[in-house]
Amino acid sequence: FKTFASYRSFEDRMWKGHEFVQYWDSTACAPYAYDAKNGFYATYDDKRSVAMKTTYALDKGLKGIMFWELTGDVPGKGLLKAIADAQEGKTSQ
């Protein structure tokens, strides 16, 4: 484990100055990225993965979901919005 990047700072901290290629793990329903030049591997959630996980929890009748660190989200258009949109059956953009 090298570092942590919040959703709010992810764009600046992870993509700028790196050569990450993004992938999708269909089993985990989550994105990941690899920078072969520097040997960096990153796992993370995005709006799509959070919405899919929320829908899964609702479909299975689970009593809740959790996420890490609300202050690291993007106010009004981040992962919390994707969760709310999934609860309402909408797709978050």
N, C-alpha and C. Protein backbone atom coordinates (compact mmCIF):
# COMPACT_ATOMS: atom_id res chain seq x y z
N PHE A 1 0.85 -1.17 0.00
CA PHE A 1 0.00 0.00 0.00
C PHE A 1 0.89 1.23 0.00
N LYS A 2 0.72 2.08 -1.02
CA LYS A 2 1.57 3.27 -1.14
C LYS A 2 0.86 4.55 -0.70
N THR A 3 -0.40 4.70 -1.12
CA THR A 3 -1.07 5.97 -0.85
C THR A 3 -2.58 5.79 -0.92
N PHE A 4 -3.27 6.80 -0.45
CA PHE A 4 -4.72 6.87 -0.50
C PHE A 4 -5.10 8.14 -1.25
N ALA A 5 -6.12 8.05 -2.07
CA ALA A 5 -6.64 9.23 -2.75
C ALA A 5 -8.15 9.25 -2.59
N SER A 6 -8.69 10.32 -2.09
CA SER A 6 -10.14 10.44 -1.96
C SER A 6 -10.77 10.58 -3.34
N TYR A 7 -12.07 10.33 -3.41
CA TYR A 7 -12.77 10.50 -4.69
C TYR A 7 -12.61 11.94 -5.19
N ARG A 8 -12.67 12.87 -4.27
CA ARG A 8 -12.55 14.29 -4.62
C ARG A 8 -11.20 14.61 -5.26
N SER A 9 -10.13 13.99 -4.78
CA SER A 9 -8.79 14.29 -5.29
C SER A 9 -8.27 13.24 -6.27
N PHE A 10 -9.07 12.24 -6.56
CA PHE A 10 -8.61 11.11 -7.36
C PHE A 10 -8.08 11.52 -8.73
N GLU A 11 -8.80 12.38 -9.40
CA GLU A 11 -8.40 12.81 -10.74
C GLU A 11 -6.99 13.41 -10.73
N ASP A 12 -6.74 14.32 -9.83
CA ASP A 12 -5.43 14.98 -9.76
C ASP A 12 -4.33 14.05 -9.26
N ARG A 13 -4.63 13.27 -8.25
CA ARG A 13 -3.58 12.45 -7.62
C ARG A 13 -3.24 11.19 -8.40
N MET A 14 -4.21 10.63 -9.12
CA MET A 14 -3.95 9.34 -9.75
C MET A 14 -3.66 9.43 -11.24
N TRP A 15 -4.29 10.31 -11.96
CA TRP A 15 -4.14 10.29 -13.41
C TRP A 15 -3.06 11.22 -13.92
N LYS A 16 -2.91 12.36 -13.33
CA LYS A 16 -1.92 13.32 -13.83
C LYS A 16 -0.51 12.84 -13.51
N GLY A 17 0.31 12.75 -14.56
CA GLY A 17 1.69 12.33 -14.39
C GLY A 17 1.89 10.82 -14.37
N HIS A 18 0.83 10.08 -14.58
CA HIS A 18 0.92 8.61 -14.61
C HIS A 18 0.41 8.10 -15.94
N GLU A 19 0.63 6.83 -16.16
CA GLU A 19 0.19 6.20 -17.41
C GLU A 19 -0.76 5.04 -17.11
N PHE A 20 -1.74 5.30 -16.27
CA PHE A 20 -2.70 4.27 -15.91
C PHE A 20 -3.59 3.91 -17.10
N VAL A 21 -3.86 2.63 -17.23
CA VAL A 21 -4.86 2.12 -18.16
C VAL A 21 -5.99 1.60 -17.26
N GLN A 22 -7.21 2.03 -17.55
CA GLN A 22 -8.35 1.64 -16.73
C GLN A 22 -8.96 0.34 -17.24
N TYR A 23 -9.42 -0.48 -16.29
CA TYR A 23 -10.06 -1.76 -16.58
C TYR A 23 -11.32 -1.88 -15.74
N TRP A 24 -12.14 -2.85 -16.10
CA TRP A 24 -13.36 -3.14 -15.34
C TRP A 24 -13.34 -4.60 -14.91
N ASP A 25 -13.51 -4.85 -13.62
CA ASP A 25 -13.59 -6.21 -13.07
C ASP A 25 -15.07 -6.58 -12.99
N SER A 26 -15.52 -7.45 -13.88
CA SER A 26 -16.94 -7.77 -13.95
C SER A 26 -17.39 -8.64 -12.76
N THR A 27 -16.47 -9.31 -12.09
CA THR A 27 -16.84 -10.09 -10.91
C THR A 27 -17.08 -9.17 -9.72
N ALA A 28 -16.16 -8.24 -9.49
CA ALA A 28 -16.27 -7.30 -8.37
C ALA A 28 -17.20 -6.14 -8.70
N CYS A 29 -17.52 -5.96 -9.97
CA CYS A 29 -18.30 -4.81 -10.43
C CYS A 29 -17.63 -3.51 -9.98
N ALA A 30 -16.34 -3.43 -10.28
CA ALA A 30 -15.56 -2.27 -9.86
C ALA A 30 -14.42 -2.02 -10.84
N PRO A 31 -14.01 -0.76 -10.95
CA PRO A 31 -12.88 -0.43 -11.81
C PRO A 31 -11.55 -0.66 -11.10
N TYR A 32 -10.52 -0.79 -11.89
CA TYR A 32 -9.15 -0.77 -11.38
C TYR A 32 -8.26 -0.23 -12.49
N ALA A 33 -7.06 0.14 -12.14
CA ALA A 33 -6.16 0.73 -13.13
C ALA A 33 -4.74 0.25 -12.87
N TYR A 34 -3.96 0.18 -13.95
CA TYR A 34 -2.57 -0.25 -13.83
C TYR A 34 -1.68 0.66 -14.67
N ASP A 35 -0.60 1.10 -14.05
CA ASP A 35 0.43 1.89 -14.72
C ASP A 35 1.65 0.98 -14.85
N ALA A 36 1.80 0.35 -16.02
CA ALA A 36 2.87 -0.62 -16.22
C ALA A 36 4.26 0.02 -16.15
N LYS A 37 4.37 1.23 -16.62
CA LYS A 37 5.67 1.92 -16.62
C LYS A 37 6.22 2.08 -15.20
N ASN A 38 5.35 2.46 -14.29
CA ASN A 38 5.79 2.72 -12.91
C ASN A 38 5.45 1.58 -11.95
N GLY A 39 4.73 0.56 -12.43
CA GLY A 39 4.38 -0.57 -11.59
C GLY A 39 3.33 -0.26 -10.53
N PHE A 40 2.44 0.71 -10.82
CA PHE A 40 1.39 1.09 -9.87
C PHE A 40 0.08 0.42 -10.24
N TYR A 41 -0.60 -0.07 -9.23
CA TYR A 41 -1.91 -0.71 -9.38
C TYR A 41 -2.87 0.02 -8.45
N ALA A 42 -4.04 0.37 -8.94
CA ALA A 42 -5.02 1.10 -8.13
C ALA A 42 -6.38 0.44 -8.23
N THR A 43 -7.01 0.26 -7.09
CA THR A 43 -8.40 -0.19 -7.06
C THR A 43 -9.21 0.95 -6.46
N TYR A 44 -10.43 1.07 -6.91
CA TYR A 44 -11.25 2.19 -6.46
C TYR A 44 -12.70 1.94 -6.85
N ASP A 45 -13.58 2.77 -6.33
CA ASP A 45 -14.97 2.78 -6.77
C ASP A 45 -15.21 4.06 -7.55
N ASP A 46 -16.15 3.97 -8.48
CA ASP A 46 -16.59 5.14 -9.22
C ASP A 46 -18.12 5.17 -9.17
N LYS A 47 -18.72 6.11 -9.85
CA LYS A 47 -20.19 6.23 -9.81
C LYS A 47 -20.87 4.95 -10.28
N ARG A 48 -20.34 4.35 -11.33
CA ARG A 48 -20.94 3.12 -11.87
C ARG A 48 -20.88 1.99 -10.84
N SER A 49 -19.73 1.77 -10.23
CA SER A 49 -19.60 0.66 -9.28
C SER A 49 -20.44 0.89 -8.02
N VAL A 50 -20.47 2.12 -7.53
CA VAL A 50 -21.27 2.43 -6.35
C VAL A 50 -22.75 2.25 -6.64
N ALA A 51 -23.18 2.67 -7.81
CA ALA A 51 -24.59 2.49 -8.19
C ALA A 51 -24.94 1.01 -8.31
N MET A 52 -24.04 0.23 -8.90
CA MET A 52 -24.30 -1.21 -9.03
C MET A 52 -24.35 -1.89 -7.66
N LYS A 53 -23.47 -1.51 -6.76
CA LYS A 53 -23.46 -2.08 -5.41
C LYS A 53 -24.71 -1.67 -4.63
N THR A 54 -25.16 -0.45 -4.82
CA THR A 54 -26.39 0.01 -4.17
C THR A 54 -27.58 -0.78 -4.69
N THR A 55 -27.67 -0.96 -6.00
CA THR A 55 -28.76 -1.72 -6.59
C THR A 55 -28.74 -3.16 -6.10
N TYR A 56 -27.56 -3.74 -5.98
CA TYR A 56 -27.43 -5.10 -5.46
C TYR A 56 -27.98 -5.18 -4.04
N ALA A 57 -27.60 -4.23 -3.19
CA ALA A 57 -28.08 -4.22 -1.80
C ALA A 57 -29.60 -4.10 -1.75
N LEU A 58 -30.15 -3.23 -2.58
CA LEU A 58 -31.61 -3.07 -2.62
C LEU A 58 -32.29 -4.34 -3.12
N ASP A 59 -31.76 -4.93 -4.19
CA ASP A 59 -32.35 -6.15 -4.76
C ASP A 59 -32.31 -7.32 -3.79
N LYS A 60 -31.29 -7.38 -2.95
CA LYS A 60 -31.14 -8.48 -1.99
C LYS A 60 -31.82 -8.19 -0.66
N GLY A 61 -32.44 -7.02 -0.55
CA GLY A 61 -33.13 -6.66 0.68
C GLY A 61 -32.19 -6.41 1.85
N LEU A 62 -30.95 -6.02 1.55
CA LEU A 62 -30.00 -5.74 2.62
C LEU A 62 -30.41 -4.46 3.34
N LYS A 63 -30.01 -4.34 4.56
CA LYS A 63 -30.48 -3.23 5.40
C LYS A 63 -29.64 -1.96 5.29
N GLY A 64 -28.61 -1.97 4.46
CA GLY A 64 -27.81 -0.76 4.32
C GLY A 64 -26.55 -1.00 3.51
N ILE A 65 -25.87 0.07 3.26
CA ILE A 65 -24.58 0.04 2.58
C ILE A 65 -23.67 0.99 3.34
N MET A 66 -22.38 0.93 3.08
CA MET A 66 -21.46 1.87 3.71
C MET A 66 -20.45 2.33 2.68
N PHE A 67 -19.86 3.45 2.97
CA PHE A 67 -18.78 3.95 2.13
C PHE A 67 -17.78 4.63 3.04
N TRP A 68 -16.62 4.90 2.53
CA TRP A 68 -15.54 5.44 3.34
C TRP A 68 -15.42 6.94 3.15
N GLU A 69 -15.52 7.68 4.20
CA GLU A 69 -15.14 9.08 4.29
C GLU A 69 -15.94 10.05 3.40
N LEU A 70 -17.06 10.46 3.90
CA LEU A 70 -17.94 11.40 3.20
C LEU A 70 -17.22 12.69 2.81
N THR A 71 -16.29 13.15 3.63
CA THR A 71 -15.61 14.42 3.31
C THR A 71 -14.70 14.30 2.09
N GLY A 72 -14.43 13.09 1.63
CA GLY A 72 -13.62 12.90 0.44
C GLY A 72 -14.43 12.85 -0.84
N ASP A 73 -15.75 12.97 -0.73
CA ASP A 73 -16.62 12.91 -1.90
C ASP A 73 -16.68 14.28 -2.57
N VAL A 74 -17.27 14.32 -3.75
CA VAL A 74 -17.48 15.56 -4.47
C VAL A 74 -18.90 16.04 -4.14
N PRO A 75 -19.03 17.17 -3.46
CA PRO A 75 -20.36 17.64 -3.04
C PRO A 75 -21.34 17.79 -4.22
N GLY A 76 -22.49 17.18 -4.07
CA GLY A 76 -23.58 17.35 -5.03
C GLY A 76 -23.47 16.54 -6.31
N LYS A 77 -22.32 15.95 -6.60
CA LYS A 77 -22.20 15.21 -7.86
C LYS A 77 -21.24 14.03 -7.77
N GLY A 78 -21.04 13.54 -6.57
CA GLY A 78 -20.09 12.46 -6.37
C GLY A 78 -20.73 11.11 -6.13
N LEU A 79 -20.09 10.33 -5.29
CA LEU A 79 -20.54 8.96 -5.04
C LEU A 79 -21.84 8.92 -4.24
N LEU A 80 -22.02 9.86 -3.32
CA LEU A 80 -23.27 9.90 -2.56
C LEU A 80 -24.45 10.16 -3.48
N LYS A 81 -24.27 11.00 -4.48
CA LYS A 81 -25.33 11.25 -5.48
C LYS A 81 -25.61 9.98 -6.27
N ALA A 82 -24.58 9.22 -6.61
CA ALA A 82 -24.77 7.97 -7.34
C ALA A 82 -25.57 6.97 -6.50
N ILE A 83 -25.32 6.96 -5.18
CA ILE A 83 -26.09 6.09 -4.28
C ILE A 83 -27.54 6.52 -4.26
N ALA A 84 -27.77 7.82 -4.08
CA ALA A 84 -29.15 8.34 -4.04
C ALA A 84 -29.88 8.08 -5.36
N ASP A 85 -29.19 8.30 -6.48
CA ASP A 85 -29.81 8.06 -7.78
C ASP A 85 -30.16 6.59 -7.97
N ALA A 86 -29.28 5.69 -7.52
CA ALA A 86 -29.56 4.26 -7.63
C ALA A 86 -30.76 3.87 -6.78
N GLN A 87 -30.90 4.50 -5.63
CA GLN A 87 -32.06 4.22 -4.78
C GLN A 87 -33.36 4.65 -5.46
N GLU A 88 -33.27 5.67 -6.28
CA GLU A 88 -34.45 6.17 -6.98
C GLU A 88 -34.60 5.55 -8.36
N GLY A 89 -33.69 4.64 -8.72
CA GLY A 89 -33.77 3.97 -10.02
C GLY A 89 -33.25 4.81 -11.16
N LYS A 90 -32.46 5.85 -10.87
CA LYS A 90 -31.91 6.71 -11.90
C LYS A 90 -30.45 6.32 -12.18
N THR A 91 -29.93 6.77 -13.30
CA THR A 91 -28.52 6.62 -13.61
C THR A 91 -27.83 7.93 -13.33
N SER A 92 -26.81 7.92 -12.49
CA SER A 92 -26.08 9.14 -12.13
C SER A 92 -25.07 9.47 -13.23
N GLN A 93 -25.01 10.74 -13.61
CA GLN A 93 -24.04 11.17 -14.63
C GLN A 93 -23.00 12.05 -14.04
